[in-house]
Amino acid sequence: MKQHVLFFDLDGTIADSGGGILGAMNEVLAARGARQMTRADLTHIVGPPLATSYPKFFVPRGLPADGADEFIADYRAIYTPKYVPQTQPFDGILDVLDTLGRDWHLAIVTSKPEKQALMVLDVTSARSRFAHVVAAESDNEVPKARLLEQAILDLRNDHGVTVEHDECWMIGDRHHDIDAATELGTKGLGVLWGFGSRGELTGAGAHAIAETPADLLEILSR
């Protein structure tokens, strides 16, 4: 019987969403006459809620300090209809999820707003692999640990899954995922095919690092 849970981040872990996020952001920036972003810039904005990233990354680029809500609304208006349908899963991740799902309960924990998260899970054909999805209600700041905490409660209350924290893993590509694992007492597994670096993930205290999706099978079978 399945006993334990793997909690997965979405962007940069399951979904290769960087190109779409970058494309939509640059359309909004172009409309405001601001400097375009590069792929490397995504490390500043993917992971935390967008409202958290705005004052730290976009205001120094010349956008107004009180312009977060309008910026986010314009971004969503482009990203959701134009780029979400183009989102692909990372190569090999769906097969890995199918294998892991034989022995583990699988759940999504993402700071992405729920509407966009569910759309991405649908277009990548990943949604059916997960027993539960916890996403942010909005773009406002919600620590990843609170979302992971909610997922643990939901699995217990709605799905009858008792979560033994030290026997479960939070899997993601940014330090926010590992930070959440540390705070809640689960194990943290960092992945390198997303937006974070090995240094970021090990510095946050990841128990293990996966270089490819296939590495998850070896790490989680130990």
N, C-alpha and C. Protein backbone atom coordinates (compact mmCIF):
# COMPACT_ATOMS: atom_id res chain seq x y z
N MET A 1 0.83 -1.20 0.00
CA MET A 1 0.00 0.00 0.00
C MET A 1 0.87 1.25 0.00
N LYS A 2 0.39 2.30 -0.63
CA LYS A 2 1.09 3.57 -0.62
C LYS A 2 1.05 4.13 0.80
N GLN A 3 2.21 4.56 1.28
CA GLN A 3 2.29 5.06 2.64
C GLN A 3 2.70 6.53 2.73
N HIS A 4 3.48 6.99 1.77
CA HIS A 4 4.08 8.30 1.91
C HIS A 4 3.83 9.17 0.67
N VAL A 5 4.22 10.43 0.78
CA VAL A 5 3.82 11.42 -0.22
C VAL A 5 5.05 12.12 -0.81
N LEU A 6 4.98 12.37 -2.12
CA LEU A 6 5.92 13.24 -2.80
C LEU A 6 5.18 14.51 -3.19
N PHE A 7 5.62 15.64 -2.69
CA PHE A 7 5.03 16.94 -3.01
C PHE A 7 5.92 17.59 -4.07
N PHE A 8 5.34 17.92 -5.21
CA PHE A 8 6.10 18.49 -6.33
C PHE A 8 5.75 19.95 -6.54
N ASP A 9 6.76 20.76 -6.76
CA ASP A 9 6.58 22.10 -7.33
C ASP A 9 6.12 21.93 -8.79
N LEU A 10 5.65 23.00 -9.41
CA LEU A 10 5.13 22.91 -10.77
C LEU A 10 6.08 23.55 -11.79
N ASP A 11 6.18 24.88 -11.82
CA ASP A 11 7.05 25.56 -12.79
C ASP A 11 8.51 25.22 -12.51
N GLY A 12 9.20 24.73 -13.53
CA GLY A 12 10.60 24.41 -13.38
C GLY A 12 10.87 23.03 -12.80
N THR A 13 9.81 22.30 -12.48
CA THR A 13 9.95 20.95 -11.94
C THR A 13 9.16 19.95 -12.77
N ILE A 14 7.90 20.24 -12.98
CA ILE A 14 7.05 19.43 -13.87
C ILE A 14 6.91 20.11 -15.23
N ALA A 15 6.59 21.40 -15.21
CA ALA A 15 6.29 22.15 -16.43
C ALA A 15 7.47 23.00 -16.87
N ASP A 16 7.82 22.88 -18.14
CA ASP A 16 8.89 23.69 -18.74
C ASP A 16 8.26 25.01 -19.19
N SER A 17 7.96 25.85 -18.22
CA SER A 17 7.15 27.05 -18.45
C SER A 17 7.97 28.32 -18.66
N GLY A 18 9.29 28.20 -18.63
CA GLY A 18 10.13 29.39 -18.69
C GLY A 18 9.94 30.22 -19.94
N GLY A 19 9.84 29.56 -21.10
CA GLY A 19 9.69 30.31 -22.35
C GLY A 19 8.41 31.12 -22.38
N GLY A 20 7.32 30.55 -21.89
CA GLY A 20 6.05 31.26 -21.87
C GLY A 20 6.05 32.42 -20.90
N ILE A 21 6.60 32.20 -19.72
CA ILE A 21 6.68 33.28 -18.73
C ILE A 21 7.53 34.43 -19.28
N LEU A 22 8.66 34.07 -19.88
CA LEU A 22 9.55 35.10 -20.44
C LEU A 22 8.87 35.85 -21.58
N GLY A 23 8.20 35.14 -22.46
CA GLY A 23 7.53 35.79 -23.59
C GLY A 23 6.46 36.76 -23.14
N ALA A 24 5.63 36.35 -22.20
CA ALA A 24 4.55 37.22 -21.72
C ALA A 24 5.11 38.42 -20.96
N MET A 25 6.11 38.19 -20.12
CA MET A 25 6.73 39.30 -19.38
C MET A 25 7.31 40.33 -20.34
N ASN A 26 7.98 39.86 -21.37
CA ASN A 26 8.61 40.80 -22.29
C ASN A 26 7.59 41.57 -23.12
N GLU A 27 6.45 41.00 -23.39
CA GLU A 27 5.40 41.76 -24.07
C GLU A 27 4.91 42.90 -23.19
N VAL A 28 4.75 42.63 -21.90
CA VAL A 28 4.31 43.67 -20.97
C VAL A 28 5.39 44.74 -20.81
N LEU A 29 6.62 44.31 -20.69
CA LEU A 29 7.72 45.27 -20.55
C LEU A 29 7.87 46.13 -21.80
N ALA A 30 7.73 45.52 -22.98
CA ALA A 30 7.83 46.27 -24.22
C ALA A 30 6.75 47.35 -24.30
N ALA A 31 5.54 47.02 -23.84
CA ALA A 31 4.45 47.99 -23.86
C ALA A 31 4.72 49.17 -22.94
N ARG A 32 5.59 48.97 -21.94
CA ARG A 32 5.93 50.02 -21.00
C ARG A 32 7.26 50.68 -21.34
N GLY A 33 7.88 50.27 -22.43
CA GLY A 33 9.16 50.84 -22.83
C GLY A 33 10.30 50.46 -21.93
N ALA A 34 10.16 49.31 -21.22
CA ALA A 34 11.19 48.88 -20.28
C ALA A 34 12.11 47.84 -20.93
N ARG A 35 13.27 47.69 -20.36
CA ARG A 35 14.26 46.76 -20.88
C ARG A 35 13.76 45.32 -20.82
N GLN A 36 14.01 44.58 -21.88
CA GLN A 36 13.56 43.19 -21.97
C GLN A 36 14.34 42.29 -21.01
N MET A 37 13.69 41.21 -20.60
CA MET A 37 14.31 40.22 -19.74
C MET A 37 15.03 39.16 -20.56
N THR A 38 15.99 38.51 -19.94
CA THR A 38 16.66 37.35 -20.52
C THR A 38 16.24 36.10 -19.75
N ARG A 39 16.61 34.95 -20.28
CA ARG A 39 16.30 33.69 -19.59
C ARG A 39 16.91 33.67 -18.19
N ALA A 40 18.10 34.22 -18.05
CA ALA A 40 18.76 34.24 -16.74
C ALA A 40 17.97 35.03 -15.72
N ASP A 41 17.22 36.04 -16.18
CA ASP A 41 16.44 36.87 -15.26
C ASP A 41 15.30 36.09 -14.60
N LEU A 42 14.91 34.97 -15.20
CA LEU A 42 13.80 34.20 -14.64
C LEU A 42 14.11 33.69 -13.24
N THR A 43 15.40 33.54 -12.92
CA THR A 43 15.73 33.06 -11.58
C THR A 43 15.28 34.05 -10.50
N HIS A 44 15.05 35.30 -10.88
CA HIS A 44 14.62 36.31 -9.92
C HIS A 44 13.10 36.29 -9.69
N ILE A 45 12.35 35.71 -10.62
CA ILE A 45 10.90 35.85 -10.53
C ILE A 45 10.14 34.53 -10.47
N VAL A 46 10.77 33.42 -10.82
CA VAL A 46 10.08 32.13 -10.77
C VAL A 46 10.39 31.47 -9.44
N GLY A 47 9.35 31.14 -8.72
CA GLY A 47 9.50 30.56 -7.38
C GLY A 47 8.62 31.28 -6.40
N PRO A 48 8.93 32.54 -6.07
CA PRO A 48 8.06 33.29 -5.17
C PRO A 48 6.84 33.85 -5.90
N PRO A 49 5.81 34.25 -5.16
CA PRO A 49 4.67 34.91 -5.81
C PRO A 49 5.12 36.14 -6.58
N LEU A 50 4.45 36.44 -7.69
CA LEU A 50 4.85 37.56 -8.54
C LEU A 50 4.77 38.88 -7.81
N ALA A 51 3.80 39.02 -6.90
CA ALA A 51 3.70 40.26 -6.14
C ALA A 51 4.92 40.48 -5.26
N THR A 52 5.56 39.40 -4.85
CA THR A 52 6.79 39.50 -4.06
C THR A 52 7.96 39.91 -4.93
N SER A 53 8.00 39.38 -6.15
CA SER A 53 9.11 39.67 -7.06
C SER A 53 9.05 41.08 -7.62
N TYR A 54 7.86 41.63 -7.76
CA TYR A 54 7.71 42.91 -8.46
C TYR A 54 8.57 44.02 -7.85
N PRO A 55 8.47 44.31 -6.55
CA PRO A 55 9.28 45.43 -6.02
C PRO A 55 10.77 45.14 -6.04
N LYS A 56 11.15 43.87 -5.97
CA LYS A 56 12.57 43.52 -5.91
C LYS A 56 13.22 43.53 -7.29
N PHE A 57 12.44 43.19 -8.33
CA PHE A 57 13.03 43.03 -9.65
C PHE A 57 12.57 44.07 -10.66
N PHE A 58 11.29 44.39 -10.66
CA PHE A 58 10.76 45.27 -11.70
C PHE A 58 10.84 46.76 -11.35
N VAL A 59 10.66 47.11 -10.09
CA VAL A 59 10.78 48.52 -9.71
C VAL A 59 12.18 49.05 -10.00
N PRO A 60 13.26 48.30 -9.68
CA PRO A 60 14.59 48.80 -10.04
C PRO A 60 14.82 48.95 -11.54
N ARG A 61 13.96 48.34 -12.35
CA ARG A 61 14.06 48.49 -13.81
C ARG A 61 13.30 49.71 -14.31
N GLY A 62 12.72 50.47 -13.38
CA GLY A 62 12.05 51.71 -13.75
C GLY A 62 10.54 51.68 -13.72
N LEU A 63 9.94 50.56 -13.34
CA LEU A 63 8.48 50.50 -13.25
C LEU A 63 8.01 51.12 -11.94
N PRO A 64 6.80 51.65 -11.90
CA PRO A 64 6.33 52.35 -10.71
C PRO A 64 6.15 51.43 -9.51
N ALA A 65 6.47 51.94 -8.33
CA ALA A 65 6.36 51.12 -7.13
C ALA A 65 4.94 50.68 -6.85
N ASP A 66 3.96 51.48 -7.28
CA ASP A 66 2.55 51.13 -7.03
C ASP A 66 1.91 50.45 -8.24
N GLY A 67 2.73 49.93 -9.14
CA GLY A 67 2.17 49.38 -10.37
C GLY A 67 2.06 47.87 -10.42
N ALA A 68 2.24 47.18 -9.29
CA ALA A 68 2.27 45.72 -9.31
C ALA A 68 0.96 45.12 -9.80
N ASP A 69 -0.16 45.59 -9.29
CA ASP A 69 -1.44 44.98 -9.64
C ASP A 69 -1.72 45.10 -11.14
N GLU A 70 -1.45 46.29 -11.70
CA GLU A 70 -1.68 46.50 -13.13
C GLU A 70 -0.73 45.65 -13.96
N PHE A 71 0.54 45.59 -13.54
CA PHE A 71 1.52 44.80 -14.26
C PHE A 71 1.12 43.32 -14.27
N ILE A 72 0.74 42.82 -13.11
CA ILE A 72 0.38 41.40 -13.01
C ILE A 72 -0.87 41.10 -13.84
N ALA A 73 -1.85 42.00 -13.80
CA ALA A 73 -3.07 41.80 -14.59
C ALA A 73 -2.76 41.76 -16.08
N ASP A 74 -1.89 42.67 -16.55
CA ASP A 74 -1.53 42.69 -17.96
C ASP A 74 -0.75 41.43 -18.34
N TYR A 75 0.12 41.00 -17.45
CA TYR A 75 0.89 39.78 -17.69
C TYR A 75 -0.05 38.57 -17.80
N ARG A 76 -0.96 38.43 -16.85
CA ARG A 76 -1.88 37.29 -16.88
C ARG A 76 -2.76 37.31 -18.13
N ALA A 77 -3.15 38.51 -18.56
CA ALA A 77 -4.01 38.62 -19.74
C ALA A 77 -3.31 38.13 -21.00
N ILE A 78 -2.00 38.19 -21.02
CA ILE A 78 -1.23 37.66 -22.15
C ILE A 78 -0.83 36.21 -21.93
N TYR A 79 -0.30 35.93 -20.74
CA TYR A 79 0.26 34.60 -20.46
C TYR A 79 -0.80 33.50 -20.54
N THR A 80 -1.97 33.74 -19.94
CA THR A 80 -2.95 32.66 -19.82
C THR A 80 -3.47 32.19 -21.18
N PRO A 81 -3.97 33.08 -22.05
CA PRO A 81 -4.50 32.57 -23.32
C PRO A 81 -3.44 32.24 -24.36
N LYS A 82 -2.30 32.95 -24.33
CA LYS A 82 -1.32 32.81 -25.42
C LYS A 82 -0.24 31.78 -25.13
N TYR A 83 0.26 31.77 -23.90
CA TYR A 83 1.44 30.96 -23.60
C TYR A 83 1.14 29.68 -22.80
N VAL A 84 0.15 29.71 -21.93
CA VAL A 84 -0.15 28.49 -21.17
C VAL A 84 -0.44 27.30 -22.09
N PRO A 85 -1.24 27.48 -23.17
CA PRO A 85 -1.51 26.32 -24.03
C PRO A 85 -0.28 25.74 -24.71
N GLN A 86 0.82 26.49 -24.73
CA GLN A 86 2.05 26.00 -25.36
C GLN A 86 2.98 25.29 -24.38
N THR A 87 2.62 25.28 -23.10
CA THR A 87 3.52 24.73 -22.08
C THR A 87 3.70 23.23 -22.24
N GLN A 88 4.94 22.79 -22.14
CA GLN A 88 5.26 21.38 -22.27
C GLN A 88 5.81 20.83 -20.95
N PRO A 89 5.63 19.54 -20.69
CA PRO A 89 6.31 18.94 -19.54
C PRO A 89 7.78 18.74 -19.87
N PHE A 90 8.62 18.70 -18.85
CA PHE A 90 10.02 18.39 -19.09
C PHE A 90 10.15 16.96 -19.62
N ASP A 91 11.12 16.76 -20.49
CA ASP A 91 11.32 15.45 -21.09
C ASP A 91 11.50 14.38 -20.02
N GLY A 92 10.69 13.36 -20.11
CA GLY A 92 10.81 12.21 -19.22
C GLY A 92 10.07 12.30 -17.91
N ILE A 93 9.56 13.49 -17.56
CA ILE A 93 8.97 13.63 -16.22
C ILE A 93 7.66 12.87 -16.09
N LEU A 94 6.86 12.77 -17.14
CA LEU A 94 5.58 12.07 -17.01
C LEU A 94 5.80 10.58 -16.77
N ASP A 95 6.75 9.99 -17.45
CA ASP A 95 7.06 8.58 -17.22
C ASP A 95 7.57 8.36 -15.81
N VAL A 96 8.39 9.27 -15.33
CA VAL A 96 8.89 9.17 -13.96
C VAL A 96 7.74 9.26 -12.96
N LEU A 97 6.81 10.17 -13.19
CA LEU A 97 5.65 10.29 -12.30
C LEU A 97 4.83 9.01 -12.29
N ASP A 98 4.67 8.40 -13.45
CA ASP A 98 3.90 7.15 -13.52
C ASP A 98 4.56 6.07 -12.68
N THR A 99 5.88 5.99 -12.75
CA THR A 99 6.59 4.98 -11.96
C THR A 99 6.51 5.29 -10.47
N LEU A 100 6.74 6.54 -10.10
CA LEU A 100 6.68 6.91 -8.69
C LEU A 100 5.28 6.73 -8.12
N GLY A 101 4.27 6.97 -8.95
CA GLY A 101 2.90 6.89 -8.48
C GLY A 101 2.46 5.50 -8.09
N ARG A 102 3.23 4.49 -8.43
CA ARG A 102 2.89 3.12 -8.01
C ARG A 102 3.12 2.91 -6.52
N ASP A 103 4.06 3.67 -5.96
CA ASP A 103 4.45 3.46 -4.57
C ASP A 103 4.24 4.66 -3.66
N TRP A 104 4.00 5.82 -4.25
CA TRP A 104 3.86 7.05 -3.49
C TRP A 104 2.56 7.75 -3.86
N HIS A 105 1.98 8.46 -2.90
CA HIS A 105 0.96 9.46 -3.22
C HIS A 105 1.70 10.68 -3.78
N LEU A 106 1.17 11.26 -4.86
CA LEU A 106 1.79 12.43 -5.48
C LEU A 106 0.88 13.64 -5.35
N ALA A 107 1.46 14.79 -5.03
CA ALA A 107 0.69 16.03 -4.90
C ALA A 107 1.49 17.20 -5.46
N ILE A 108 0.78 18.22 -5.90
CA ILE A 108 1.39 19.46 -6.38
C ILE A 108 1.27 20.53 -5.31
N VAL A 109 2.37 21.26 -5.07
CA VAL A 109 2.36 22.43 -4.19
C VAL A 109 3.04 23.55 -4.95
N THR A 110 2.28 24.55 -5.37
CA THR A 110 2.82 25.61 -6.22
C THR A 110 2.34 26.99 -5.79
N SER A 111 3.22 27.97 -5.95
CA SER A 111 2.85 29.37 -5.70
C SER A 111 2.13 29.99 -6.88
N LYS A 112 2.01 29.25 -7.98
CA LYS A 112 1.28 29.75 -9.14
C LYS A 112 -0.21 29.86 -8.77
N PRO A 113 -0.89 30.90 -9.22
CA PRO A 113 -2.32 31.00 -8.95
C PRO A 113 -3.07 29.77 -9.47
N GLU A 114 -4.10 29.38 -8.76
CA GLU A 114 -4.76 28.09 -9.01
C GLU A 114 -5.26 27.94 -10.45
N LYS A 115 -5.87 28.99 -11.00
CA LYS A 115 -6.41 28.88 -12.36
C LYS A 115 -5.32 28.52 -13.35
N GLN A 116 -4.19 29.24 -13.29
CA GLN A 116 -3.10 28.95 -14.21
C GLN A 116 -2.45 27.60 -13.92
N ALA A 117 -2.33 27.25 -12.65
CA ALA A 117 -1.72 25.97 -12.28
C ALA A 117 -2.52 24.80 -12.86
N LEU A 118 -3.83 24.84 -12.72
CA LEU A 118 -4.65 23.75 -13.23
C LEU A 118 -4.62 23.69 -14.76
N MET A 119 -4.56 24.85 -15.39
CA MET A 119 -4.45 24.87 -16.85
C MET A 119 -3.14 24.25 -17.31
N VAL A 120 -2.04 24.60 -16.62
CA VAL A 120 -0.74 24.04 -16.99
C VAL A 120 -0.73 22.53 -16.77
N LEU A 121 -1.29 22.07 -15.67
CA LEU A 121 -1.35 20.63 -15.42
C LEU A 121 -2.17 19.92 -16.50
N ASP A 122 -3.22 20.57 -16.97
CA ASP A 122 -4.04 19.96 -18.03
C ASP A 122 -3.29 19.90 -19.36
N VAL A 123 -2.68 21.00 -19.77
CA VAL A 123 -2.05 21.02 -21.10
C VAL A 123 -0.79 20.17 -21.15
N THR A 124 -0.16 19.93 -20.00
CA THR A 124 1.01 19.06 -19.96
C THR A 124 0.64 17.60 -19.75
N SER A 125 -0.66 17.31 -19.61
CA SER A 125 -1.16 15.95 -19.35
C SER A 125 -0.67 15.40 -18.02
N ALA A 126 -0.34 16.27 -17.09
CA ALA A 126 0.19 15.83 -15.80
C ALA A 126 -0.87 15.74 -14.71
N ARG A 127 -2.01 16.36 -14.89
CA ARG A 127 -2.96 16.51 -13.79
C ARG A 127 -3.43 15.17 -13.23
N SER A 128 -3.66 14.20 -14.09
CA SER A 128 -4.19 12.92 -13.63
C SER A 128 -3.20 12.15 -12.77
N ARG A 129 -1.93 12.55 -12.80
CA ARG A 129 -0.92 11.85 -12.01
C ARG A 129 -0.95 12.22 -10.52
N PHE A 130 -1.67 13.29 -10.17
CA PHE A 130 -1.61 13.82 -8.81
C PHE A 130 -2.92 13.64 -8.07
N ALA A 131 -2.79 13.20 -6.82
CA ALA A 131 -3.96 13.00 -5.98
C ALA A 131 -4.55 14.32 -5.51
N HIS A 132 -3.71 15.36 -5.43
CA HIS A 132 -4.18 16.63 -4.89
C HIS A 132 -3.31 17.76 -5.42
N VAL A 133 -3.89 18.93 -5.54
CA VAL A 133 -3.18 20.13 -6.00
C VAL A 133 -3.46 21.27 -5.03
N VAL A 134 -2.41 21.87 -4.52
CA VAL A 134 -2.54 23.09 -3.73
C VAL A 134 -1.79 24.20 -4.46
N ALA A 135 -2.50 25.27 -4.77
CA ALA A 135 -1.94 26.42 -5.47
C ALA A 135 -2.32 27.68 -4.71
N ALA A 136 -1.71 28.79 -5.08
CA ALA A 136 -2.01 30.06 -4.44
C ALA A 136 -3.39 30.56 -4.88
N GLU A 137 -4.05 31.28 -4.00
CA GLU A 137 -5.34 31.86 -4.35
C GLU A 137 -5.19 33.10 -5.21
N SER A 138 -4.01 33.73 -5.15
CA SER A 138 -3.77 34.95 -5.91
C SER A 138 -2.27 35.10 -6.07
N ASP A 139 -1.84 36.25 -6.61
CA ASP A 139 -0.42 36.54 -6.74
C ASP A 139 0.18 37.16 -5.49
N ASN A 140 -0.61 37.30 -4.44
CA ASN A 140 -0.10 37.89 -3.21
C ASN A 140 0.85 36.91 -2.52
N GLU A 141 1.68 37.46 -1.65
CA GLU A 141 2.72 36.66 -1.01
C GLU A 141 2.13 35.61 -0.08
N VAL A 142 2.42 34.34 -0.37
CA VAL A 142 2.07 33.23 0.50
C VAL A 142 3.32 32.36 0.59
N PRO A 143 3.93 32.24 1.76
CA PRO A 143 5.13 31.42 1.87
C PRO A 143 4.87 29.99 1.40
N LYS A 144 5.84 29.39 0.73
CA LYS A 144 5.69 28.03 0.23
C LYS A 144 5.39 27.05 1.37
N ALA A 145 5.92 27.33 2.55
CA ALA A 145 5.67 26.45 3.68
C ALA A 145 4.20 26.40 4.05
N ARG A 146 3.49 27.53 3.89
CA ARG A 146 2.07 27.53 4.22
C ARG A 146 1.28 26.68 3.20
N LEU A 147 1.70 26.73 1.94
CA LEU A 147 1.05 25.92 0.92
C LEU A 147 1.33 24.43 1.16
N LEU A 148 2.55 24.09 1.52
CA LEU A 148 2.88 22.70 1.84
C LEU A 148 2.10 22.24 3.06
N GLU A 149 2.00 23.10 4.05
CA GLU A 149 1.22 22.78 5.24
C GLU A 149 -0.23 22.50 4.88
N GLN A 150 -0.79 23.31 3.98
CA GLN A 150 -2.18 23.11 3.55
C GLN A 150 -2.33 21.78 2.82
N ALA A 151 -1.35 21.45 1.98
CA ALA A 151 -1.41 20.18 1.26
C ALA A 151 -1.41 18.99 2.20
N ILE A 152 -0.59 19.06 3.23
CA ILE A 152 -0.53 17.98 4.22
C ILE A 152 -1.88 17.83 4.92
N LEU A 153 -2.49 18.94 5.31
CA LEU A 153 -3.80 18.91 5.96
C LEU A 153 -4.88 18.36 5.03
N ASP A 154 -4.84 18.81 3.77
CA ASP A 154 -5.85 18.37 2.81
C ASP A 154 -5.76 16.86 2.55
N LEU A 155 -4.55 16.37 2.42
CA LEU A 155 -4.39 14.93 2.19
C LEU A 155 -4.93 14.13 3.36
N ARG A 156 -4.70 14.63 4.56
CA ARG A 156 -5.21 13.94 5.74
C ARG A 156 -6.73 14.01 5.84
N ASN A 157 -7.27 15.21 5.64
CA ASN A 157 -8.70 15.42 5.86
C ASN A 157 -9.57 14.98 4.69
N ASP A 158 -9.08 15.18 3.47
CA ASP A 158 -9.90 14.91 2.28
C ASP A 158 -9.59 13.57 1.62
N HIS A 159 -8.39 13.05 1.83
CA HIS A 159 -7.99 11.83 1.14
C HIS A 159 -7.62 10.69 2.08
N GLY A 160 -7.66 10.94 3.38
CA GLY A 160 -7.35 9.90 4.34
C GLY A 160 -5.91 9.44 4.33
N VAL A 161 -5.01 10.32 3.90
CA VAL A 161 -3.58 9.98 3.84
C VAL A 161 -2.88 10.60 5.05
N THR A 162 -2.36 9.77 5.91
CA THR A 162 -1.61 10.26 7.06
C THR A 162 -0.17 10.52 6.62
N VAL A 163 0.24 11.75 6.75
CA VAL A 163 1.56 12.16 6.28
C VAL A 163 2.57 12.09 7.42
N GLU A 164 3.52 11.16 7.31
CA GLU A 164 4.65 11.11 8.22
C GLU A 164 5.73 12.04 7.63
N HIS A 165 5.88 13.20 8.21
CA HIS A 165 6.68 14.25 7.59
C HIS A 165 8.07 13.79 7.19
N ASP A 166 8.74 13.05 8.08
CA ASP A 166 10.13 12.68 7.78
C ASP A 166 10.25 11.55 6.77
N GLU A 167 9.11 11.03 6.31
CA GLU A 167 9.11 9.99 5.28
C GLU A 167 8.62 10.53 3.94
N CYS A 168 8.41 11.84 3.86
CA CYS A 168 7.90 12.47 2.64
C CYS A 168 8.94 13.46 2.11
N TRP A 169 8.75 13.86 0.87
CA TRP A 169 9.70 14.77 0.21
C TRP A 169 8.95 15.94 -0.43
N MET A 170 9.55 17.13 -0.34
CA MET A 170 9.15 18.28 -1.15
C MET A 170 10.20 18.41 -2.24
N ILE A 171 9.74 18.38 -3.50
CA ILE A 171 10.63 18.33 -4.65
C ILE A 171 10.46 19.59 -5.48
N GLY A 172 11.54 20.32 -5.71
CA GLY A 172 11.42 21.54 -6.50
C GLY A 172 12.77 22.08 -6.93
N ASP A 173 12.71 23.14 -7.73
CA ASP A 173 13.92 23.68 -8.35
C ASP A 173 14.44 24.95 -7.69
N ARG A 174 13.76 25.46 -6.67
CA ARG A 174 14.19 26.71 -6.04
C ARG A 174 14.35 26.51 -4.53
N HIS A 175 15.06 27.44 -3.91
CA HIS A 175 15.28 27.31 -2.47
C HIS A 175 13.99 27.42 -1.68
N HIS A 176 12.97 28.09 -2.25
CA HIS A 176 11.69 28.20 -1.55
C HIS A 176 11.11 26.82 -1.26
N ASP A 177 11.32 25.88 -2.17
CA ASP A 177 10.81 24.52 -1.98
C ASP A 177 11.56 23.82 -0.85
N ILE A 178 12.88 23.99 -0.82
CA ILE A 178 13.68 23.36 0.21
C ILE A 178 13.43 24.04 1.56
N ASP A 179 13.27 25.35 1.54
CA ASP A 179 12.96 26.07 2.77
C ASP A 179 11.65 25.55 3.38
N ALA A 180 10.66 25.33 2.54
CA ALA A 180 9.37 24.82 3.02
C ALA A 180 9.53 23.43 3.62
N ALA A 181 10.32 22.58 2.95
CA ALA A 181 10.56 21.24 3.48
C ALA A 181 11.20 21.30 4.85
N THR A 182 12.19 22.17 4.99
CA THR A 182 12.89 22.30 6.27
C THR A 182 11.94 22.76 7.36
N GLU A 183 11.12 23.76 7.05
CA GLU A 183 10.20 24.30 8.06
C GLU A 183 9.17 23.27 8.50
N LEU A 184 8.68 22.46 7.57
CA LEU A 184 7.61 21.50 7.88
C LEU A 184 8.15 20.14 8.31
N GLY A 185 9.45 19.93 8.16
CA GLY A 185 10.02 18.67 8.62
C GLY A 185 9.97 17.54 7.62
N THR A 186 9.71 17.85 6.35
CA THR A 186 9.82 16.84 5.31
C THR A 186 11.25 16.87 4.75
N LYS A 187 11.59 15.89 3.94
CA LYS A 187 12.87 15.93 3.25
C LYS A 187 12.76 16.86 2.04
N GLY A 188 13.86 17.48 1.66
CA GLY A 188 13.87 18.38 0.51
C GLY A 188 14.74 17.83 -0.60
N LEU A 189 14.19 17.78 -1.81
CA LEU A 189 14.92 17.26 -2.97
C LEU A 189 14.96 18.33 -4.04
N GLY A 190 16.14 18.80 -4.37
CA GLY A 190 16.30 19.84 -5.38
C GLY A 190 16.51 19.25 -6.76
N VAL A 191 15.96 19.91 -7.79
CA VAL A 191 16.13 19.46 -9.17
C VAL A 191 16.83 20.55 -9.97
N LEU A 192 17.67 20.13 -10.92
CA LEU A 192 18.53 21.07 -11.64
C LEU A 192 18.07 21.38 -13.05
N TRP A 193 16.92 20.88 -13.47
CA TRP A 193 16.46 21.17 -14.84
C TRP A 193 15.53 22.39 -14.88
N GLY A 194 15.35 23.05 -13.75
CA GLY A 194 14.48 24.22 -13.70
C GLY A 194 15.27 25.51 -13.65
N PHE A 195 14.98 26.36 -12.66
CA PHE A 195 15.53 27.71 -12.61
C PHE A 195 16.58 27.92 -11.52
N GLY A 196 16.69 27.00 -10.59
CA GLY A 196 17.65 27.15 -9.51
C GLY A 196 18.98 26.49 -9.82
N SER A 197 19.97 26.79 -9.02
CA SER A 197 21.31 26.23 -9.20
C SER A 197 21.59 25.21 -8.10
N ARG A 198 22.63 24.41 -8.33
CA ARG A 198 23.04 23.46 -7.30
C ARG A 198 23.42 24.20 -6.01
N GLY A 199 24.15 25.31 -6.16
CA GLY A 199 24.55 26.06 -4.98
C GLY A 199 23.36 26.58 -4.20
N GLU A 200 22.35 27.08 -4.90
CA GLU A 200 21.15 27.58 -4.22
C GLU A 200 20.46 26.46 -3.44
N LEU A 201 20.35 25.30 -4.05
CA LEU A 201 19.60 24.19 -3.45
C LEU A 201 20.37 23.55 -2.30
N THR A 202 21.66 23.33 -2.49
CA THR A 202 22.45 22.74 -1.41
C THR A 202 22.59 23.74 -0.26
N GLY A 203 22.69 25.02 -0.60
CA GLY A 203 22.78 26.04 0.43
C GLY A 203 21.53 26.12 1.29
N ALA A 204 20.39 25.77 0.69
CA ALA A 204 19.13 25.77 1.43
C ALA A 204 18.96 24.51 2.28
N GLY A 205 19.84 23.53 2.06
CA GLY A 205 19.78 22.32 2.89
C GLY A 205 19.12 21.13 2.24
N ALA A 206 19.09 21.08 0.90
CA ALA A 206 18.47 19.93 0.23
C ALA A 206 19.13 18.63 0.66
N HIS A 207 18.30 17.61 0.92
CA HIS A 207 18.82 16.30 1.30
C HIS A 207 19.44 15.57 0.11
N ALA A 208 18.98 15.90 -1.10
CA ALA A 208 19.49 15.27 -2.31
C ALA A 208 19.26 16.21 -3.48
N ILE A 209 20.03 15.99 -4.56
CA ILE A 209 19.91 16.78 -5.78
C ILE A 209 19.75 15.84 -6.96
N ALA A 210 18.76 16.10 -7.81
CA ALA A 210 18.56 15.32 -9.03
C ALA A 210 18.95 16.17 -10.23
N GLU A 211 19.81 15.62 -11.08
CA GLU A 211 20.23 16.34 -12.28
C GLU A 211 19.26 16.14 -13.43
N THR A 212 18.58 15.00 -13.47
CA THR A 212 17.60 14.69 -14.51
C THR A 212 16.38 14.08 -13.87
N PRO A 213 15.23 14.11 -14.54
CA PRO A 213 14.05 13.44 -13.97
C PRO A 213 14.29 11.98 -13.62
N ALA A 214 15.06 11.27 -14.45
CA ALA A 214 15.32 9.86 -14.16
C ALA A 214 16.04 9.67 -12.84
N ASP A 215 16.84 10.66 -12.43
CA ASP A 215 17.55 10.56 -11.15
C ASP A 215 16.60 10.45 -9.96
N LEU A 216 15.38 10.96 -10.12
CA LEU A 216 14.41 10.88 -9.02
C LEU A 216 14.13 9.43 -8.65
N LEU A 217 14.10 8.55 -9.65
CA LEU A 217 13.80 7.15 -9.39
C LEU A 217 14.87 6.51 -8.51
N GLU A 218 16.11 6.81 -8.81
CA GLU A 218 17.21 6.25 -8.03
C GLU A 218 17.22 6.82 -6.62
N ILE A 219 17.10 8.13 -6.52
CA ILE A 219 17.16 8.78 -5.21
C ILE A 219 16.03 8.30 -4.30
N LEU A 220 14.84 8.17 -4.84
CA LEU A 220 13.67 7.85 -4.04
C LEU A 220 13.50 6.35 -3.80
N SER A 221 14.37 5.56 -4.38
CA SER A 221 14.33 4.12 -4.14
C SER A 221 15.31 3.69 -3.04
N ARG A 222 16.11 4.64 -2.54
CA ARG A 222 17.11 4.29 -1.53
C ARG A 222 16.48 3.99 -0.19
